[in-house]
Amino acid sequence: MSAAMAETLGALLARARARLRAGGLESPDLDARLLAQEALGLDAAGLFLRAPEPVEPGRAARFDALLARRLAGEPVHRILGRRDFFAHEFELSADTLEPRPDTEVLVELAARAFRGLREDILFADVGTGSGAIAVSLLALFPRAQGLALDLAEGALATARRNADQAGVRARFHPVASDYLSAIGGRLDAIVSNPPYIPSADIAGLDAHVREHDPRLALDGGPDGLDAYRRIVDEARGLLGEGGALLLEIGAGQAGDVTGLAEAAGFELCEHAADLGGHVRALWFNLRREARNTGKGAFFEMKAL
């Protein structure tokens, strides 16, 4: 196709939006814009300013290939391989959950808890995935040290690259661990967005979640609470005096998770709601009489 016959950028975008809308996708305009920026190497302003210009056929073909993946049901941020979260952009991989805006509520609640602790705190992020939570907190607290725990070594490798990109790698320590089992010493805080979907509900999730997020990061066992049982039990022996436990939860799980935490010796300090008004994050402190005062090693870290 000659330059004179090439489709203009404006026409290319209009066609993409129409196809996405006809495919029943929720955000056709945004998806078309993000995919066009990726295929054409432009920012949002560039798309607007160059709308009347013809698109080189090779770049148009690349855009159409990305569009086909979106129409087939692949989430737009999986196609891009990255997603913005809090103040940074995070690389995604097959072993990582896609960080979503509701989880920013957990980071904000954790930040409130951290401000009541010493500046050079040591915290653990259980099931770190892309590292979004740990990296965001390390950026907010420049003297903090974070242990990023995950069972999937692919996730740890991705998280380490994200920490590099955000400039917090020196204080970001990836550790291969099944929950908190690799930690042998005192922590000031523990934060986690664990798997909390009941196993039987996985099949009913939207396809973009069920087929593209790792099951390890979704499946919370028969009642969705298996991860919380492990975390509150193991956290009790690791948190020092004044330590905080911060957990993301699924809709309707606040009562059950609070009950588990209280039975393990924690007390609820604060909760926070997500954009839909559901309680999404819980902040607990370990009651003084429940604290384990034994000493241990700093932590056992598997070299990565």
Protein backbone atom coordinates (compact mmCIF):
# COMPACT_ATOMS: atom_id res chain seq x y z
CA MET A 1 0.00 0.00 0.00
CA SER A 2 1.42 3.41 -0.92
CA ALA A 3 1.68 6.24 1.59
CA ALA A 4 -1.17 7.96 -0.22
CA MET A 5 -3.40 4.91 0.30
CA ALA A 6 -2.30 4.15 3.87
CA GLU A 7 -4.94 4.43 6.57
CA THR A 8 -4.66 7.53 8.73
CA LEU A 9 -4.02 7.19 12.42
CA GLY A 10 -7.44 8.67 13.18
CA ALA A 11 -9.18 6.15 10.94
CA LEU A 12 -7.11 3.30 12.39
CA LEU A 13 -8.18 4.23 15.91
CA ALA A 14 -11.82 4.67 14.94
CA ARG A 15 -11.85 1.24 13.32
CA ALA A 16 -10.22 -0.33 16.39
CA ARG A 17 -12.66 1.28 18.78
CA ALA A 18 -15.60 0.03 16.70
CA ARG A 19 -14.22 -3.54 16.64
CA LEU A 20 -13.59 -3.56 20.39
CA ARG A 21 -17.03 -2.13 21.09
CA ALA A 22 -18.65 -4.74 18.84
CA GLY A 23 -16.69 -7.40 20.73
CA GLY A 24 -18.39 -6.33 23.95
CA LEU A 25 -15.21 -5.15 25.71
CA GLU A 26 -15.68 -2.80 28.63
CA SER A 27 -13.23 -0.03 27.74
CA PRO A 28 -12.86 0.05 23.94
CA ASP A 29 -11.60 3.63 23.71
CA LEU A 30 -8.92 3.20 26.37
CA ASP A 31 -7.83 -0.20 25.06
CA ALA A 32 -7.52 1.10 21.51
CA ARG A 33 -5.44 4.05 22.69
CA LEU A 34 -3.09 1.95 24.82
CA LEU A 35 -2.53 -0.60 22.06
CA ALA A 36 -1.94 2.14 19.49
CA GLN A 37 0.61 3.83 21.72
CA GLU A 38 2.43 0.51 22.07
CA ALA A 39 2.37 -0.36 18.37
CA LEU A 40 3.25 3.10 17.10
CA GLY A 41 5.63 4.27 19.83
CA LEU A 42 3.61 7.38 20.59
CA ASP A 43 2.21 8.94 23.75
CA ALA A 44 -1.39 10.15 24.14
CA ALA A 45 -0.53 13.61 22.80
CA GLY A 46 1.19 12.09 19.80
CA LEU A 47 -1.90 10.08 18.92
CA PHE A 48 -3.95 13.26 18.90
CA LEU A 49 -1.48 15.43 16.99
CA ARG A 50 -0.76 12.82 14.31
CA ALA A 51 -4.35 11.65 13.79
CA PRO A 52 -4.52 13.01 10.19
CA GLU A 53 -1.26 11.33 9.16
CA PRO A 54 -1.03 7.97 7.37
CA VAL A 55 0.28 5.01 9.35
CA GLU A 56 3.18 3.03 7.89
CA PRO A 57 1.82 -0.42 6.90
CA GLY A 58 4.23 -2.37 9.11
CA ARG A 59 3.17 -0.44 12.20
CA ALA A 60 -0.49 -0.77 11.24
CA ALA A 61 0.00 -4.53 10.97
CA ARG A 62 1.61 -4.59 14.42
CA PHE A 63 -1.35 -2.66 15.82
CA ASP A 64 -3.80 -5.09 14.19
CA ALA A 65 -1.91 -8.03 15.74
CA LEU A 66 -2.20 -6.52 19.21
CA LEU A 67 -5.86 -5.73 18.57
CA ALA A 68 -6.51 -9.36 17.61
CA ARG A 69 -5.05 -10.53 20.93
CA ARG A 70 -7.34 -8.15 22.81
CA LEU A 71 -10.38 -9.32 20.85
CA ALA A 72 -9.45 -12.90 21.73
CA GLY A 73 -9.81 -11.99 25.41
CA GLU A 74 -6.23 -11.30 26.51
CA PRO A 75 -6.18 -8.40 29.01
CA VAL A 76 -4.72 -5.22 27.61
CA HIS A 77 -2.02 -4.94 30.26
CA ARG A 78 -0.97 -8.55 29.68
CA ILE A 79 -0.52 -7.62 26.01
CA LEU A 80 1.54 -4.58 26.99
CA GLY A 81 3.48 -6.62 29.56
CA ARG A 82 3.26 -3.93 32.20
CA ARG A 83 0.82 -1.93 34.31
CA ASP A 84 0.88 1.26 36.34
CA PHE A 85 0.37 0.84 40.08
CA PHE A 86 0.65 3.57 42.69
CA ALA A 87 3.65 5.69 41.57
CA HIS A 88 5.45 3.21 39.29
CA GLU A 89 5.03 1.01 36.25
CA PHE A 90 5.45 -2.73 36.85
CA GLU A 91 6.53 -5.42 34.46
CA LEU A 92 4.20 -8.43 34.39
CA SER A 93 4.99 -12.08 33.72
CA ALA A 94 3.17 -15.41 33.69
CA ASP A 95 3.98 -15.93 37.40
CA THR A 96 2.65 -12.57 38.58
CA LEU A 97 -0.82 -11.32 39.41
CA GLU A 98 -1.74 -8.16 37.53
CA PRO A 99 -1.75 -5.42 40.21
CA ARG A 100 -5.06 -3.61 40.30
CA PRO A 101 -6.21 -0.24 41.66
CA ASP A 102 -8.06 -1.77 44.63
CA THR A 103 -4.75 -3.02 46.02
CA GLU A 104 -3.51 0.58 46.27
CA VAL A 105 -5.84 0.78 49.29
CA LEU A 106 -3.64 -1.81 51.02
CA VAL A 107 -0.50 0.23 50.29
CA GLU A 108 -2.13 3.38 51.69
CA LEU A 109 -3.24 1.56 54.84
CA ALA A 110 0.21 0.02 55.27
CA ALA A 111 1.77 3.46 54.92
CA ARG A 112 -0.38 4.71 57.80
CA ALA A 113 0.74 1.77 59.91
CA PHE A 114 4.42 2.21 58.99
CA ARG A 115 4.39 5.86 60.08
CA GLY A 116 3.78 4.67 63.63
CA LEU A 117 6.87 2.47 63.58
CA ARG A 118 10.61 3.27 63.47
CA GLU A 119 11.99 4.69 60.23
CA ASP A 120 14.33 1.80 59.44
CA ILE A 121 11.66 -0.88 59.61
CA LEU A 122 12.01 -4.38 58.23
CA PHE A 123 8.82 -5.69 56.64
CA ALA A 124 7.83 -8.75 54.63
CA ASP A 125 5.53 -8.78 51.61
CA VAL A 126 4.01 -12.27 51.47
CA GLY A 127 3.27 -13.42 47.90
CA THR A 128 4.99 -10.43 46.34
CA GLY A 129 4.24 -11.33 42.70
CA SER A 130 5.35 -8.34 40.60
CA GLY A 131 6.68 -6.67 43.75
CA ALA A 132 4.12 -3.88 43.42
CA ILE A 133 3.31 -3.62 47.13
CA ALA A 134 6.87 -3.94 48.45
CA VAL A 135 8.35 -1.58 45.85
CA SER A 136 5.66 1.03 46.48
CA LEU A 137 6.26 0.94 50.23
CA LEU A 138 10.05 1.07 49.87
CA ALA A 139 9.69 4.14 47.66
CA LEU A 140 7.54 5.81 50.33
CA PHE A 141 9.89 4.89 53.20
CA PRO A 142 13.51 5.43 52.12
CA ARG A 143 15.03 3.83 55.22
CA ALA A 144 12.87 0.70 55.18
CA GLN A 145 14.05 -2.77 54.14
CA GLY A 146 11.63 -5.18 52.49
CA LEU A 147 11.64 -8.97 52.21
CA ALA A 148 9.72 -9.95 49.07
CA LEU A 149 8.47 -13.52 49.56
CA ASP A 150 7.06 -15.74 46.84
CA LEU A 151 6.90 -19.44 46.05
CA ALA A 152 7.33 -18.80 42.30
CA GLU A 153 10.91 -18.00 41.35
CA GLY A 154 9.69 -16.48 38.08
CA ALA A 155 7.71 -13.96 40.09
CA LEU A 156 10.77 -13.14 42.21
CA ALA A 157 12.84 -12.50 39.09
CA THR A 158 10.16 -10.16 37.73
CA ALA A 159 9.86 -8.38 41.08
CA ARG A 160 13.60 -7.87 41.26
CA ARG A 161 13.59 -6.17 37.84
CA ASN A 162 10.73 -3.94 38.97
CA ALA A 163 12.67 -2.98 42.10
CA ASP A 164 15.66 -2.11 39.89
CA GLN A 165 13.49 0.07 37.68
CA ALA A 166 11.99 1.89 40.67
CA GLY A 167 15.40 2.54 42.24
CA VAL A 168 14.81 0.54 45.44
CA ARG A 169 16.75 -2.63 44.60
CA ALA A 170 19.34 -2.16 47.38
CA ARG A 171 16.59 -2.43 50.01
CA PHE A 172 14.48 -5.05 48.21
CA HIS A 173 15.34 -8.64 49.18
CA PRO A 174 13.62 -11.39 47.13
CA VAL A 175 13.24 -14.61 49.10
CA ALA A 176 11.89 -17.96 47.85
CA SER A 177 9.43 -18.89 50.58
CA ASP A 178 6.17 -20.73 51.18
CA TYR A 179 4.36 -17.97 53.03
CA LEU A 180 6.65 -16.93 55.95
CA SER A 181 8.39 -20.26 56.40
CA ALA A 182 11.82 -19.00 55.27
CA ILE A 183 11.90 -16.18 57.83
CA GLY A 184 13.68 -16.90 61.09
CA GLY A 185 13.80 -13.58 62.93
CA ARG A 186 12.00 -10.44 63.96
CA LEU A 187 9.90 -8.30 61.63
CA ASP A 188 8.34 -4.90 62.23
CA ALA A 189 5.46 -5.42 59.80
CA ILE A 190 3.95 -7.97 57.45
CA VAL A 191 1.83 -7.07 54.43
CA SER A 192 0.09 -9.40 52.00
CA ASN A 193 -2.39 -9.64 49.17
CA PRO A 194 -2.80 -13.42 49.39
CA PRO A 195 -4.95 -15.77 47.30
CA TYR A 196 -8.50 -15.49 48.62
CA ILE A 197 -10.88 -16.86 45.96
CA PRO A 198 -12.65 -20.07 47.09
CA SER A 199 -11.49 -22.95 44.89
CA ALA A 200 -14.97 -23.70 43.57
CA ASP A 201 -15.39 -20.08 42.45
CA ILE A 202 -12.32 -20.02 40.19
CA ALA A 203 -14.22 -21.49 37.23
CA GLY A 204 -16.78 -18.67 37.45
CA LEU A 205 -14.27 -15.81 37.35
CA ASP A 206 -14.08 -13.55 34.32
CA ALA A 207 -11.98 -15.18 31.62
CA HIS A 208 -9.40 -12.38 31.67
CA VAL A 209 -8.67 -13.29 35.31
CA ARG A 210 -9.21 -17.07 35.18
CA GLU A 211 -7.13 -17.62 32.06
CA HIS A 212 -4.34 -15.08 32.55
CA ASP A 213 -3.65 -14.59 36.28
CA PRO A 214 -1.69 -17.45 37.91
CA ARG A 215 -3.94 -19.83 39.84
CA LEU A 216 -1.39 -19.87 42.66
CA ALA A 217 -2.20 -16.21 43.26
CA LEU A 218 -5.98 -16.72 43.14
CA ASP A 219 -6.94 -20.00 44.82
CA GLY A 220 -7.55 -19.54 48.54
CA GLY A 221 -8.70 -23.10 49.24
CA PRO A 222 -12.22 -24.44 49.87
CA ASP A 223 -13.43 -21.37 51.78
CA GLY A 224 -10.93 -18.82 50.48
CA LEU A 225 -9.26 -18.50 53.88
CA ASP A 226 -6.36 -20.96 53.73
CA ALA A 227 -3.73 -18.26 53.18
CA TYR A 228 -5.00 -16.18 56.10
CA ARG A 229 -4.78 -19.15 58.45
CA ARG A 230 -1.14 -19.67 57.52
CA ILE A 231 -0.22 -15.99 57.64
CA VAL A 232 -1.76 -15.14 61.02
CA ASP A 233 -0.30 -18.28 62.59
CA GLU A 234 3.23 -17.65 61.27
CA ALA A 235 3.11 -13.87 61.78
CA ARG A 236 2.43 -14.25 65.51
CA GLY A 237 5.96 -15.58 66.08
CA LEU A 238 7.71 -13.05 63.84
CA LEU A 239 6.29 -9.64 64.70
CA GLY A 240 8.04 -7.59 67.36
CA GLU A 241 6.38 -5.28 69.85
CA GLY A 242 4.22 -2.74 68.03
CA GLY A 243 4.40 -4.77 64.81
CA ALA A 244 1.64 -4.54 62.23
CA LEU A 245 -0.09 -7.11 60.03
CA LEU A 246 -1.81 -5.72 56.92
CA LEU A 247 -3.98 -7.89 54.69
CA GLU A 248 -5.97 -7.44 51.54
CA ILE A 249 -9.23 -9.40 51.57
CA GLY A 250 -12.00 -10.32 49.19
CA ALA A 251 -15.46 -8.78 49.32
CA GLY A 252 -17.38 -10.03 52.35
CA GLN A 253 -14.35 -11.62 54.07
CA ALA A 254 -13.75 -8.96 56.72
CA GLY A 255 -15.58 -10.81 59.50
CA ASP A 256 -13.98 -14.18 58.83
CA VAL A 257 -10.44 -12.83 58.50
CA THR A 258 -10.83 -10.67 61.60
CA GLY A 259 -12.03 -13.71 63.52
CA LEU A 260 -8.97 -15.72 62.45
CA ALA A 261 -6.62 -12.90 63.36
CA GLU A 262 -8.22 -12.27 66.75
CA ALA A 263 -8.06 -15.97 67.59
CA ALA A 264 -4.31 -15.81 66.86
CA GLY A 265 -3.81 -12.89 69.25
CA PHE A 266 -4.24 -9.89 66.95
CA GLU A 267 -6.47 -6.87 67.39
CA LEU A 268 -8.05 -4.90 64.55
CA CYS A 269 -6.78 -1.32 64.35
CA GLU A 270 -8.30 -0.02 61.12
CA HIS A 271 -9.90 -1.08 57.87
CA ALA A 272 -10.08 0.57 54.46
CA ALA A 273 -12.61 0.33 51.63
CA ASP A 274 -11.88 -0.05 47.93
CA LEU A 275 -13.27 2.00 45.03
CA GLY A 276 -16.49 -0.04 45.11
CA GLY A 277 -17.07 0.59 48.81
CA HIS A 278 -16.14 -2.94 49.94
CA VAL A 279 -13.81 -3.41 52.91
CA ARG A 280 -10.60 -4.36 51.11
CA ALA A 281 -7.73 -4.01 53.59
CA LEU A 282 -7.34 -4.74 57.31
CA TRP A 283 -4.67 -3.51 59.73
CA PHE A 284 -3.99 -5.61 62.84
CA ASN A 285 -1.51 -5.28 65.68
CA LEU A 286 -0.44 -8.25 67.78
CA ARG A 287 -1.71 -7.96 71.34
CA ARG A 288 1.12 -7.53 73.82
CA GLU A 289 0.33 -10.74 75.71
CA ALA A 290 0.37 -12.72 72.46
CA ARG A 291 3.81 -11.56 71.29
CA ASN A 292 6.60 -14.11 71.01
CA THR A 293 9.69 -12.55 72.60
CA GLY A 294 12.17 -15.19 71.38
CA LYS A 295 15.13 -14.11 69.29
CA GLY A 296 16.06 -15.55 65.92
CA ALA A 297 18.22 -15.09 62.90
CA PHE A 298 17.57 -12.16 60.58
CA PHE A 299 16.23 -14.34 57.78
CA GLU A 300 17.21 -17.26 55.61
CA MET A 301 17.52 -16.10 52.02
CA LYS A 302 17.75 -18.36 49.01
CA ALA A 303 20.20 -16.84 46.53
CA LEU A 304 18.48 -15.69 43.36
